[in-house]
Protein backbone atom coordinates (compact mmCIF):
# COMPACT_ATOMS: atom_id res chain seq x y z
CA MET A 1 -80.49 -3.55 6.11
CA CYS A 2 -79.09 -0.29 7.51
CA CYS A 3 -77.59 2.85 5.99
CA SER A 4 -73.84 2.84 6.31
CA PRO A 5 -71.95 5.96 7.55
CA ASN A 6 -71.02 7.15 4.39
CA SER A 7 -74.38 7.54 2.96
CA TYR A 8 -75.62 9.42 6.23
CA LYS A 9 -72.31 11.68 5.68
CA TYR A 10 -73.81 12.02 2.26
CA TYR A 11 -77.29 13.03 3.15
CA PHE A 12 -76.54 15.41 6.25
CA ASN A 13 -74.15 17.38 3.33
CA GLN A 14 -77.21 17.39 0.99
CA TRP A 15 -79.43 18.66 3.69
CA GLY A 16 -77.04 21.42 5.25
CA VAL A 17 -76.62 19.76 8.72
CA ASN A 18 -73.75 20.67 10.31
CA LYS A 19 -72.29 19.80 14.06
CA SER A 20 -71.12 22.91 14.72
CA THR A 21 -71.64 26.52 14.21
CA PRO A 22 -68.74 28.68 12.43
CA SER A 23 -66.98 31.23 14.70
CA ARG A 24 -67.72 33.68 11.68
CA VAL A 25 -71.38 33.16 12.44
CA LYS A 26 -70.68 33.21 16.43
CA ASP A 27 -69.09 36.58 15.66
CA ALA A 28 -71.79 37.68 13.70
CA ALA A 29 -74.13 36.55 16.31
CA ILE A 30 -72.30 38.49 19.36
CA VAL A 31 -72.06 41.67 17.11
CA ALA A 32 -76.27 41.22 16.48
CA LEU A 33 -76.64 40.99 20.31
CA GLY A 34 -74.42 43.81 21.13
CA LYS A 35 -76.30 46.13 18.80
CA ARG A 36 -79.80 44.91 19.81
CA VAL A 37 -78.82 45.69 23.60
CA LYS A 38 -77.69 48.93 22.32
CA ASN A 39 -80.96 50.09 20.76
CA ARG A 40 -83.09 48.28 23.36
CA MET A 41 -84.49 45.62 20.82
CA SER A 42 -86.31 42.83 22.98
CA SER A 43 -85.33 39.97 20.58
CA PRO A 44 -82.50 37.89 22.74
CA LYS A 45 -82.37 34.99 20.30
CA VAL A 46 -80.02 34.97 17.05
CA TYR A 47 -80.93 32.23 14.66
CA TYR A 48 -78.71 30.29 12.49
CA LYS A 49 -80.05 27.79 9.50
CA ASP A 50 -83.45 28.62 11.44
CA HIS A 51 -82.52 27.14 14.73
CA PRO A 52 -81.56 29.71 17.78
CA ILE A 53 -77.69 29.68 18.56
CA ASP A 54 -77.26 28.47 22.27
CA LYS A 55 -75.83 31.47 24.54
CA LYS A 56 -73.52 29.07 26.06
CA LYS A 57 -72.12 28.42 22.96
CA LEU A 58 -71.86 32.36 22.55
CA ALA A 59 -70.23 32.72 26.03
CA ARG A 60 -67.64 29.82 25.42
CA HIS A 61 -66.66 31.68 21.94
CA ILE A 62 -66.37 35.14 23.76
CA ALA A 63 -64.27 33.27 26.52
CA ALA A 64 -61.83 31.53 24.27
CA THR A 65 -61.49 34.45 21.81
CA GLU A 66 -60.41 36.72 24.61
CA LYS A 67 -57.83 34.06 25.99
CA LYS A 68 -56.43 33.93 22.37
CA LYS A 69 -56.10 37.91 22.43
CA LEU A 70 -54.36 37.82 25.79
CA GLY A 71 -52.04 35.12 24.83
CA ASN A 72 -50.97 36.61 21.52
CA SER A 73 -50.48 40.17 23.14
CA SER A 74 -48.38 39.02 26.25
CA THR A 75 -45.00 40.54 26.77
CA LYS A 76 -42.04 38.52 26.31
CA PRO A 77 -38.65 39.35 27.68
CA LEU A 78 -36.13 41.03 25.66
CA GLY A 79 -32.50 39.35 25.48
CA GLY A 80 -34.24 35.90 23.96
CA SER A 81 -34.30 32.70 26.00
CA MET A 82 -32.28 31.80 29.60
């Protein structure tokens, strides 16, 4: 007999296993890496729940964050719609 998907979800929650890294953790990791570069420290890895955060995920997060900032600060024409 095999386990049901609901029991897997329960145990994953109990173990603290997540599919993704929260954006607040990624922001903190980026700040930490920036401080390490500034202070010339040689630790290139940032860990979350005893696992290193992939640099590709951090780069993707930076790109998405910058894209959101540019999208929100775009100038809109005065005078309403055409």
